[in-house]
Amino acid sequence: MVTHDGDLHTTMLARGRARRTLWQRMRKAARYLVRGDGIYGMEWGDPDVLPPLKHVRDNYLLPYLDPTKTVLEIGPGGGRWTRYMTTAKTI
């Protein structure tokens, strides 16, 4: 059983917060916008290029998109999947 004795969890939390300040995240997002692809979420891979992400796109996203319906994206993150929802077209 996991115990919470000691300061491991709080130390990890403090380190993570120090590395991900608001300004650091904003600078990182700005670099993606300046680079030209305009999608911060591409940091984790491009669904048009990587086979596992293509599979997710083609099997779990595109079949449910329809221009006559409304889509609600919960927690859009970096916007990697949002671009498919805004155009609502199949590939």
PDB file of N, CA and C in Angstrom:
ATOM      1  N   MET A   1       0.844  -1.184   0.000  1.00  0.00           N
ATOM      2  CA  MET A   1       0.000   0.000   0.000  1.00  0.00           C
ATOM      3  C   MET A   1       0.883   1.239   0.000  1.00  0.00           C
ATOM      4  N   VAL A   2       0.479   2.224  -0.770  1.00  0.00           N
ATOM      5  CA  VAL A   2       1.234   3.462  -0.852  1.00  0.00           C
ATOM      6  C   VAL A   2       0.937   4.314   0.367  1.00  0.00           C
ATOM      7  N   THR A   3       1.999   4.850   0.941  1.00  0.00           N
ATOM      8  CA  THR A   3       1.811   5.766   2.065  1.00  0.00           C
ATOM      9  C   THR A   3       2.277   7.148   1.644  1.00  0.00           C
ATOM     10  N   HIS A   4       1.843   8.111   2.360  1.00  0.00           N
ATOM     11  CA  HIS A   4       2.213   9.494   2.057  1.00  0.00           C
ATOM     12  C   HIS A   4       3.145  10.047   3.120  1.00  0.00           C
ATOM     13  N   ASP A   5       3.888   9.138   3.751  1.00  0.00           N
ATOM     14  CA  ASP A   5       4.874   9.587   4.723  1.00  0.00           C
ATOM     15  C   ASP A   5       6.043  10.214   3.975  1.00  0.00           C
ATOM     16  N   GLY A   6       6.605  11.241   4.516  1.00  0.00           N
ATOM     17  CA  GLY A   6       7.732  11.891   3.871  1.00  0.00           C
ATOM     18  C   GLY A   6       7.269  13.014   2.968  1.00  0.00           C
ATOM     19  N   ASP A   7       8.237  13.593   2.269  1.00  0.00           N
ATOM     20  CA  ASP A   7       7.932  14.770   1.463  1.00  0.00           C
ATOM     21  C   ASP A   7       8.098  14.544  -0.031  1.00  0.00           C
ATOM     22  N   LEU A   8       8.135  13.312  -0.482  1.00  0.00           N
ATOM     23  CA  LEU A   8       8.335  13.021  -1.902  1.00  0.00           C
ATOM     24  C   LEU A   8       7.283  13.704  -2.768  1.00  0.00           C
ATOM     25  N   HIS A   9       6.017  13.574  -2.407  1.00  0.00           N
ATOM     26  CA  HIS A   9       4.935  14.134  -3.217  1.00  0.00           C
ATOM     27  C   HIS A   9       4.985  15.653  -3.254  1.00  0.00           C
ATOM     28  N   THR A  10       5.204  16.265  -2.123  1.00  0.00           N
ATOM     29  CA  THR A  10       5.247  17.732  -2.107  1.00  0.00           C
ATOM     30  C   THR A  10       6.484  18.255  -2.824  1.00  0.00           C
ATOM     31  N   THR A  11       7.591  17.529  -2.741  1.00  0.00           N
ATOM     32  CA  THR A  11       8.807  17.931  -3.457  1.00  0.00           C
ATOM     33  C   THR A  11       8.587  17.855  -4.958  1.00  0.00           C
ATOM     34  N   MET A  12       7.965  16.773  -5.426  1.00  0.00           N
ATOM     35  CA  MET A  12       7.684  16.633  -6.856  1.00  0.00           C
ATOM     36  C   MET A  12       6.731  17.720  -7.326  1.00  0.00           C
ATOM     37  N   LEU A  13       5.730  18.024  -6.546  1.00  0.00           N
ATOM     38  CA  LEU A  13       4.780  19.073  -6.898  1.00  0.00           C
ATOM     39  C   LEU A  13       5.488  20.423  -7.006  1.00  0.00           C
ATOM     40  N   ALA A  14       6.334  20.722  -6.047  1.00  0.00           N
ATOM     41  CA  ALA A  14       7.056  22.000  -6.063  1.00  0.00           C
ATOM     42  C   ALA A  14       7.976  22.094  -7.273  1.00  0.00           C
ATOM     43  N   ARG A  15       8.659  21.019  -7.605  1.00  0.00           N
ATOM     44  CA  ARG A  15       9.533  21.023  -8.785  1.00  0.00           C
ATOM     45  C   ARG A  15       8.732  21.231 -10.065  1.00  0.00           C
ATOM     46  N   GLY A  16       7.607  20.547 -10.168  1.00  0.00           N
ATOM     47  CA  GLY A  16       6.762  20.693 -11.350  1.00  0.00           C
ATOM     48  C   GLY A  16       6.234  22.107 -11.501  1.00  0.00           C
ATOM     49  N   ARG A  17       5.820  22.695 -10.407  1.00  0.00           N
ATOM     50  CA  ARG A  17       5.316  24.074 -10.466  1.00  0.00           C
ATOM     51  C   ARG A  17       6.422  25.045 -10.845  1.00  0.00           C
ATOM     52  N   ALA A  18       7.619  24.806 -10.353  1.00  0.00           N
ATOM     53  CA  ALA A  18       8.742  25.695 -10.671  1.00  0.00           C
ATOM     54  C   ALA A  18       9.090  25.613 -12.151  1.00  0.00           C
ATOM     55  N   ARG A  19       8.935  24.455 -12.736  1.00  0.00           N
ATOM     56  CA  ARG A  19       9.269  24.279 -14.156  1.00  0.00           C
ATOM     57  C   ARG A  19       8.170  24.779 -15.075  1.00  0.00           C
ATOM     58  N   ARG A  20       6.955  24.847 -14.570  1.00  0.00           N
ATOM     59  CA  ARG A  20       5.824  25.189 -15.429  1.00  0.00           C
ATOM     60  C   ARG A  20       5.110  26.445 -14.942  1.00  0.00           C
ATOM     61  N   THR A  21       5.846  27.509 -14.807  1.00  0.00           N
ATOM     62  CA  THR A  21       5.193  28.748 -14.417  1.00  0.00           C
ATOM     63  C   THR A  21       4.359  29.256 -15.596  1.00  0.00           C
ATOM     64  N   LEU A  22       3.478  30.160 -15.316  1.00  0.00           N
ATOM     65  CA  LEU A  22       2.623  30.707 -16.366  1.00  0.00           C
ATOM     66  C   LEU A  22       3.461  31.317 -17.481  1.00  0.00           C
ATOM     67  N   TRP A  23       4.500  32.068 -17.118  1.00  0.00           N
ATOM     68  CA  TRP A  23       5.327  32.714 -18.130  1.00  0.00           C
ATOM     69  C   TRP A  23       6.071  31.696 -18.979  1.00  0.00           C
ATOM     70  N   GLN A  24       6.534  30.620 -18.364  1.00  0.00           N
ATOM     71  CA  GLN A  24       7.230  29.584 -19.130  1.00  0.00           C
ATOM     72  C   GLN A  24       6.280  28.929 -20.130  1.00  0.00           C
ATOM     73  N   ARG A  25       5.070  28.659 -19.694  1.00  0.00           N
ATOM     74  CA  ARG A  25       4.098  28.053 -20.597  1.00  0.00           C
ATOM     75  C   ARG A  25       3.722  29.003 -21.717  1.00  0.00           C
ATOM     76  N   MET A  26       3.591  30.290 -21.405  1.00  0.00           N
ATOM     77  CA  MET A  26       3.243  31.268 -22.437  1.00  0.00           C
ATOM     78  C   MET A  26       4.370  31.408 -23.463  1.00  0.00           C
ATOM     79  N   ARG A  27       5.613  31.416 -22.989  1.00  0.00           N
ATOM     80  CA  ARG A  27       6.752  31.492 -23.915  1.00  0.00           C
ATOM     81  C   ARG A  27       6.791  30.273 -24.823  1.00  0.00           C
ATOM     82  N   LYS A  28       6.555  29.118 -24.251  1.00  0.00           N
ATOM     83  CA  LYS A  28       6.567  27.884 -25.035  1.00  0.00           C
ATOM     84  C   LYS A  28       5.455  27.907 -26.086  1.00  0.00           C
ATOM     85  N   ALA A  29       4.268  28.322 -25.700  1.00  0.00           N
ATOM     86  CA  ALA A  29       3.156  28.408 -26.647  1.00  0.00           C
ATOM     87  C   ALA A  29       3.458  29.427 -27.744  1.00  0.00           C
ATOM     88  N   ALA A  30       4.068  30.544 -27.378  1.00  0.00           N
ATOM     89  CA  ALA A  30       4.407  31.566 -28.368  1.00  0.00           C
ATOM     90  C   ALA A  30       5.413  31.036 -29.382  1.00  0.00           C
ATOM     91  N   ARG A  31       6.359  30.220 -28.933  1.00  0.00           N
ATOM     92  CA  ARG A  31       7.337  29.639 -29.860  1.00  0.00           C
ATOM     93  C   ARG A  31       6.638  28.792 -30.919  1.00  0.00           C
ATOM     94  N   TYR A  32       5.631  28.044 -30.524  1.00  0.00           N
ATOM     95  CA  TYR A  32       4.896  27.225 -31.492  1.00  0.00           C
ATOM     96  C   TYR A  32       4.133  28.090 -32.478  1.00  0.00           C
ATOM     97  N   LEU A  33       3.578  29.175 -31.998  1.00  0.00           N
ATOM     98  CA  LEU A  33       2.838  30.069 -32.891  1.00  0.00           C
ATOM     99  C   LEU A  33       3.776  30.770 -33.866  1.00  0.00           C
ATOM    100  N   VAL A  34       4.933  31.192 -33.387  1.00  0.00           N
ATOM    101  CA  VAL A  34       5.904  31.882 -34.233  1.00  0.00           C
ATOM    102  C   VAL A  34       6.503  30.931 -35.259  1.00  0.00           C
ATOM    103  N   ARG A  35       6.685  29.678 -34.870  1.00  0.00           N
ATOM    104  CA  ARG A  35       7.271  28.692 -35.773  1.00  0.00           C
ATOM    105  C   ARG A  35       6.449  28.506 -37.032  1.00  0.00           C
ATOM    106  N   GLY A  36       5.175  28.753 -36.946  1.00  0.00           N
ATOM    107  CA  GLY A  36       4.363  28.696 -38.144  1.00  0.00           C
ATOM    108  C   GLY A  36       3.309  27.610 -38.171  1.00  0.00           C
ATOM    109  N   ASP A  37       3.445  26.547 -37.370  1.00  0.00           N
ATOM    110  CA  ASP A  37       2.398  25.515 -37.422  1.00  0.00           C
ATOM    111  C   ASP A  37       1.157  25.974 -36.677  1.00  0.00           C
ATOM    112  N   GLY A  38       1.325  26.905 -35.720  1.00  0.00           N
ATOM    113  CA  GLY A  38       0.196  27.516 -35.056  1.00  0.00           C
ATOM    114  C   GLY A  38      -0.572  26.635 -34.096  1.00  0.00           C
ATOM    115  N   ILE A  39      -0.109  25.417 -33.865  1.00  0.00           N
ATOM    116  CA  ILE A  39      -0.826  24.522 -32.967  1.00  0.00           C
ATOM    117  C   ILE A  39       0.132  24.058 -31.878  1.00  0.00           C
ATOM    118  N   TYR A  40      -0.088  24.541 -30.694  1.00  0.00           N
ATOM    119  CA  TYR A  40       0.762  24.213 -29.551  1.00  0.00           C
ATOM    120  C   TYR A  40       0.747  22.711 -29.276  1.00  0.00           C
ATOM    121  N   GLY A  41      -0.350  22.040 -29.500  1.00  0.00           N
ATOM    122  CA  GLY A  41      -0.478  20.617 -29.209  1.00  0.00           C
ATOM    123  C   GLY A  41       0.375  19.708 -30.067  1.00  0.00           C
ATOM    124  N   MET A  42       0.969  20.232 -31.127  1.00  0.00           N
ATOM    125  CA  MET A  42       1.827  19.407 -31.984  1.00  0.00           C
ATOM    126  C   MET A  42       3.088  18.964 -31.272  1.00  0.00           C
ATOM    127  N   GLU A  43       3.341  19.525 -30.132  1.00  0.00           N
ATOM    128  CA  GLU A  43       4.481  19.107 -29.325  1.00  0.00           C
ATOM    129  C   GLU A  43       4.401  17.603 -29.042  1.00  0.00           C
ATOM    130  N   TRP A  44       3.209  17.067 -28.966  1.00  0.00           N
ATOM    131  CA  TRP A  44       3.007  15.660 -28.634  1.00  0.00           C
ATOM    132  C   TRP A  44       2.784  14.790 -29.866  1.00  0.00           C
ATOM    133  N   GLY A  45       2.949  15.345 -31.038  1.00  0.00           N
ATOM    134  CA  GLY A  45       2.828  14.560 -32.261  1.00  0.00           C
ATOM    135  C   GLY A  45       1.731  15.058 -33.174  1.00  0.00           C
ATOM    136  N   ASP A  46       1.913  14.798 -34.463  1.00  0.00           N
ATOM    137  CA  ASP A  46       0.971  15.228 -35.488  1.00  0.00           C
ATOM    138  C   ASP A  46       0.109  14.045 -35.924  1.00  0.00           C
ATOM    139  N   PRO A  47      -1.200  14.116 -35.753  1.00  0.00           N
ATOM    140  CA  PRO A  47      -2.082  13.026 -36.165  1.00  0.00           C
ATOM    141  C   PRO A  47      -2.081  12.765 -37.667  1.00  0.00           C
ATOM    142  N   ASP A  48      -1.589  13.693 -38.456  1.00  0.00           N
ATOM    143  CA  ASP A  48      -1.505  13.459 -39.895  1.00  0.00           C
ATOM    144  C   ASP A  48      -0.260  12.656 -40.272  1.00  0.00           C
ATOM    145  N   VAL A  49       0.660  12.492 -39.313  1.00  0.00           N
ATOM    146  CA  VAL A  49       1.929  11.846 -39.607  1.00  0.00           C
ATOM    147  C   VAL A  49       2.145  10.553 -38.823  1.00  0.00           C
ATOM    148  N   LEU A  50       1.878  10.564 -37.536  1.00  0.00           N
ATOM    149  CA  LEU A  50       2.161   9.410 -36.684  1.00  0.00           C
ATOM    150  C   LEU A  50       1.053   8.368 -36.750  1.00  0.00           C
ATOM    151  N   PRO A  51       1.376   7.120 -37.099  1.00  0.00           N
ATOM    152  CA  PRO A  51       0.351   6.077 -37.233  1.00  0.00           C
ATOM    153  C   PRO A  51      -0.541   5.875 -36.005  1.00  0.00           C
ATOM    154  N   PRO A  52      -0.011   5.865 -34.763  1.00  0.00           N
ATOM    155  CA  PRO A  52      -0.936   5.681 -33.630  1.00  0.00           C
ATOM    156  C   PRO A  52      -1.938   6.821 -33.500  1.00  0.00           C
ATOM    157  N   LEU A  53      -1.490   8.046 -33.802  1.00  0.00           N
ATOM    158  CA  LEU A  53      -2.406   9.184 -33.716  1.00  0.00           C
ATOM    159  C   LEU A  53      -3.377   9.202 -34.888  1.00  0.00           C
ATOM    160  N   LYS A  54      -2.937   8.732 -36.047  1.00  0.00           N
ATOM    161  CA  LYS A  54      -3.851   8.589 -37.190  1.00  0.00           C
ATOM    162  C   LYS A  54      -4.984   7.634 -36.816  1.00  0.00           C
ATOM    163  N   HIS A  55      -4.627   6.553 -36.139  1.00  0.00           N
ATOM    164  CA  HIS A  55      -5.624   5.564 -35.720  1.00  0.00           C
ATOM    165  C   HIS A  55      -6.659   6.208 -34.787  1.00  0.00           C
ATOM    166  N   VAL A  56      -6.184   6.967 -33.818  1.00  0.00           N
ATOM    167  CA  VAL A  56      -7.098   7.654 -32.897  1.00  0.00           C
ATOM    168  C   VAL A  56      -7.998   8.611 -33.667  1.00  0.00           C
ATOM    169  N   ARG A  57      -7.388   9.402 -34.546  1.00  0.00           N
ATOM    170  CA  ARG A  57      -8.151  10.371 -35.342  1.00  0.00           C
ATOM    171  C   ARG A  57      -9.219   9.680 -36.182  1.00  0.00           C
ATOM    172  N   ASP A  58      -8.807   8.634 -36.902  1.00  0.00           N
ATOM    173  CA  ASP A  58      -9.709   7.984 -37.851  1.00  0.00           C
ATOM    174  C   ASP A  58     -10.779   7.122 -37.192  1.00  0.00           C
ATOM    175  N   ASN A  59     -10.511   6.586 -35.995  1.00  0.00           N
ATOM    176  CA  ASN A  59     -11.459   5.684 -35.355  1.00  0.00           C
ATOM    177  C   ASN A  59     -12.267   6.295 -34.216  1.00  0.00           C
ATOM    178  N   TYR A  60     -11.722   7.319 -33.573  1.00  0.00           N
ATOM    179  CA  TYR A  60     -12.407   7.866 -32.405  1.00  0.00           C
ATOM    180  C   TYR A  60     -12.852   9.312 -32.561  1.00  0.00           C
ATOM    181  N   LEU A  61     -12.405   9.976 -33.611  1.00  0.00           N
ATOM    182  CA  LEU A  61     -12.780  11.378 -33.784  1.00  0.00           C
ATOM    183  C   LEU A  61     -13.594  11.601 -35.055  1.00  0.00           C
ATOM    184  N   LEU A  62     -13.007  11.311 -36.190  1.00  0.00           N
ATOM    185  CA  LEU A  62     -13.658  11.622 -37.467  1.00  0.00           C
ATOM    186  C   LEU A  62     -15.017  10.950 -37.674  1.00  0.00           C
ATOM    187  N   PRO A  63     -15.209   9.703 -37.242  1.00  0.00           N
ATOM    188  CA  PRO A  63     -16.536   9.105 -37.461  1.00  0.00           C
ATOM    189  C   PRO A  63     -17.676   9.844 -36.756  1.00  0.00           C
ATOM    190  N   TYR A  64     -17.348  10.641 -35.765  1.00  0.00           N
ATOM    191  CA  TYR A  64     -18.391  11.323 -34.990  1.00  0.00           C
ATOM    192  C   TYR A  64     -18.576  12.786 -35.383  1.00  0.00           C
ATOM    193  N   LEU A  65     -17.785  13.247 -36.326  1.00  0.00           N
ATOM    194  CA  LEU A  65     -17.913  14.636 -36.753  1.00  0.00           C
ATOM    195  C   LEU A  65     -18.901  14.752 -37.895  1.00  0.00           C
ATOM    196  N   ASP A  66     -19.790  15.710 -37.778  1.00  0.00           N
ATOM    197  CA  ASP A  66     -20.814  15.938 -38.788  1.00  0.00           C
ATOM    198  C   ASP A  66     -21.120  17.431 -38.794  1.00  0.00           C
ATOM    199  N   PRO A  67     -21.038  18.094 -39.946  1.00  0.00           N
ATOM    200  CA  PRO A  67     -21.272  19.539 -40.003  1.00  0.00           C
ATOM    201  C   PRO A  67     -22.650  19.966 -39.500  1.00  0.00           C
ATOM    202  N   THR A  68     -23.584  19.035 -39.422  1.00  0.00           N
ATOM    203  CA  THR A  68     -24.927  19.390 -38.962  1.00  0.00           C
ATOM    204  C   THR A  68     -25.081  19.260 -37.451  1.00  0.00           C
ATOM    205  N   LYS A  69     -24.014  18.832 -36.775  1.00  0.00           N
ATOM    206  CA  LYS A  69     -24.087  18.623 -35.323  1.00  0.00           C
ATOM    207  C   LYS A  69     -23.132  19.567 -34.598  1.00  0.00           C
ATOM    208  N   THR A  70     -23.375  19.705 -33.314  1.00  0.00           N
ATOM    209  CA  THR A  70     -22.539  20.539 -32.464  1.00  0.00           C
ATOM    210  C   THR A  70     -21.570  19.654 -31.695  1.00  0.00           C
ATOM    211  N   VAL A  71     -20.334  20.121 -31.588  1.00  0.00           N
ATOM    212  CA  VAL A  71     -19.302  19.379 -30.868  1.00  0.00           C
ATOM    213  C   VAL A  71     -18.865  20.197 -29.670  1.00  0.00           C
ATOM    214  N   LEU A  72     -18.709  19.543 -28.535  1.00  0.00           N
ATOM    215  CA  LEU A  72     -18.179  20.185 -27.341  1.00  0.00           C
ATOM    216  C   LEU A  72     -16.897  19.464 -26.965  1.00  0.00           C
ATOM    217  N   GLU A  73     -15.805  20.186 -27.015  1.00  0.00           N
ATOM    218  CA  GLU A  73     -14.518  19.600 -26.638  1.00  0.00           C
ATOM    219  C   GLU A  73     -14.209  19.994 -25.207  1.00  0.00           C
ATOM    220  N   ILE A  74     -14.067  19.002 -24.365  1.00  0.00           N
ATOM    221  CA  ILE A  74     -13.775  19.250 -22.959  1.00  0.00           C
ATOM    222  C   ILE A  74     -12.273  19.120 -22.765  1.00  0.00           C
ATOM    223  N   GLY A  75     -11.646  20.167 -22.296  1.00  0.00           N
ATOM    224  CA  GLY A  75     -10.205  20.138 -22.063  1.00  0.00           C
ATOM    225  C   GLY A  75      -9.409  20.104 -23.350  1.00  0.00           C
ATOM    226  N   PRO A  76      -9.512  21.109 -24.214  1.00  0.00           N
ATOM    227  CA  PRO A  76      -8.859  21.065 -25.513  1.00  0.00           C
ATOM    228  C   PRO A  76      -7.338  21.053 -25.478  1.00  0.00           C
ATOM    229  N   GLY A  77      -6.739  21.384 -24.346  1.00  0.00           N
ATOM    230  CA  GLY A  77      -5.286  21.334 -24.263  1.00  0.00           C
ATOM    231  C   GLY A  77      -4.623  22.229 -25.289  1.00  0.00           C
ATOM    232  N   GLY A  78      -3.707  21.645 -26.075  1.00  0.00           N
ATOM    233  CA  GLY A  78      -2.953  22.421 -27.041  1.00  0.00           C
ATOM    234  C   GLY A  78      -3.641  22.609 -28.370  1.00  0.00           C
ATOM    235  N   GLY A  79      -4.786  22.012 -28.588  1.00  0.00           N
ATOM    236  CA  GLY A  79      -5.540  22.220 -29.814  1.00  0.00           C
ATOM    237  C   GLY A  79      -5.231  21.262 -30.949  1.00  0.00           C
ATOM    238  N   ARG A  80      -4.496  20.200 -30.664  1.00  0.00           N
ATOM    239  CA  ARG A  80      -4.113  19.256 -31.718  1.00  0.00           C
ATOM    240  C   ARG A  80      -5.334  18.627 -32.377  1.00  0.00           C
ATOM    241  N   TRP A  81      -6.361  18.299 -31.613  1.00  0.00           N
ATOM    242  CA  TRP A  81      -7.560  17.666 -32.170  1.00  0.00           C
ATOM    243  C   TRP A  81      -8.617  18.695 -32.554  1.00  0.00           C
ATOM    244  N   THR A  82      -8.524  19.887 -31.997  1.00  0.00           N
ATOM    245  CA  THR A  82      -9.521  20.930 -32.242  1.00  0.00           C
ATOM    246  C   THR A  82      -9.631  21.285 -33.715  1.00  0.00           C
ATOM    247  N   ARG A  83      -8.522  21.270 -34.421  1.00  0.00           N
ATOM    248  CA  ARG A  83      -8.548  21.666 -35.838  1.00  0.00           C
ATOM    249  C   ARG A  83      -9.453  20.764 -36.660  1.00  0.00           C
ATOM    250  N   TYR A  84      -9.577  19.510 -36.294  1.00  0.00           N
ATOM    251  CA  TYR A  84     -10.491  18.610 -37.007  1.00  0.00           C
ATOM    252  C   TYR A  84     -11.929  18.928 -36.679  1.00  0.00           C
ATOM    253  N   MET A  85     -12.177  19.320 -35.444  1.00  0.00           N
ATOM    254  CA  MET A  85     -13.546  19.620 -35.026  1.00  0.00           C
ATOM    255  C   MET A  85     -14.043  20.929 -35.630  1.00  0.00           C
ATOM    256  N   THR A  86     -13.159  21.891 -35.815  1.00  0.00           N
ATOM    257  CA  THR A  86     -13.600  23.173 -36.346  1.00  0.00           C
ATOM    258  C   THR A  86     -13.895  23.106 -37.837  1.00  0.00           C
ATOM    259  N   THR A  87     -13.228  22.210 -38.547  1.00  0.00           N
ATOM    260  CA  THR A  87     -13.493  22.098 -39.979  1.00  0.00           C
ATOM    261  C   THR A  87     -14.564  21.054 -40.252  1.00  0.00           C
ATOM    262  N   ALA A  88     -14.716  20.075 -39.353  1.00  0.00           N
ATOM    263  CA  ALA A  88     -15.735  19.022 -39.480  1.00  0.00           C
ATOM    264  C   ALA A  88     -15.745  18.390 -40.855  1.00  0.00           C
ATOM    265  N   LYS A  89     -14.575  18.039 -41.328  1.00  0.00           N
ATOM    266  CA  LYS A  89     -14.495  17.335 -42.604  1.00  0.00           C
ATOM    267  C   LYS A  89     -13.714  16.041 -42.396  1.00  0.00           C
ATOM    268  N   THR A  90     -13.945  15.099 -43.246  1.00  0.00           N
ATOM    269  CA  THR A  90     -13.214  13.840 -43.146  1.00  0.00           C
ATOM    270  C   THR A  90     -12.013  13.880 -44.065  1.00  0.00           C
ATOM    271  N   ILE A  91     -11.062  13.041 -43.736  1.00  0.00           N
ATOM    272  CA  ILE A  91      -9.824  13.006 -44.524  1.00  0.00           C
ATOM    273  C   ILE A  91      -9.834  11.798 -45.434  1.00  0.00           C
TER     274      ILE A  91
END
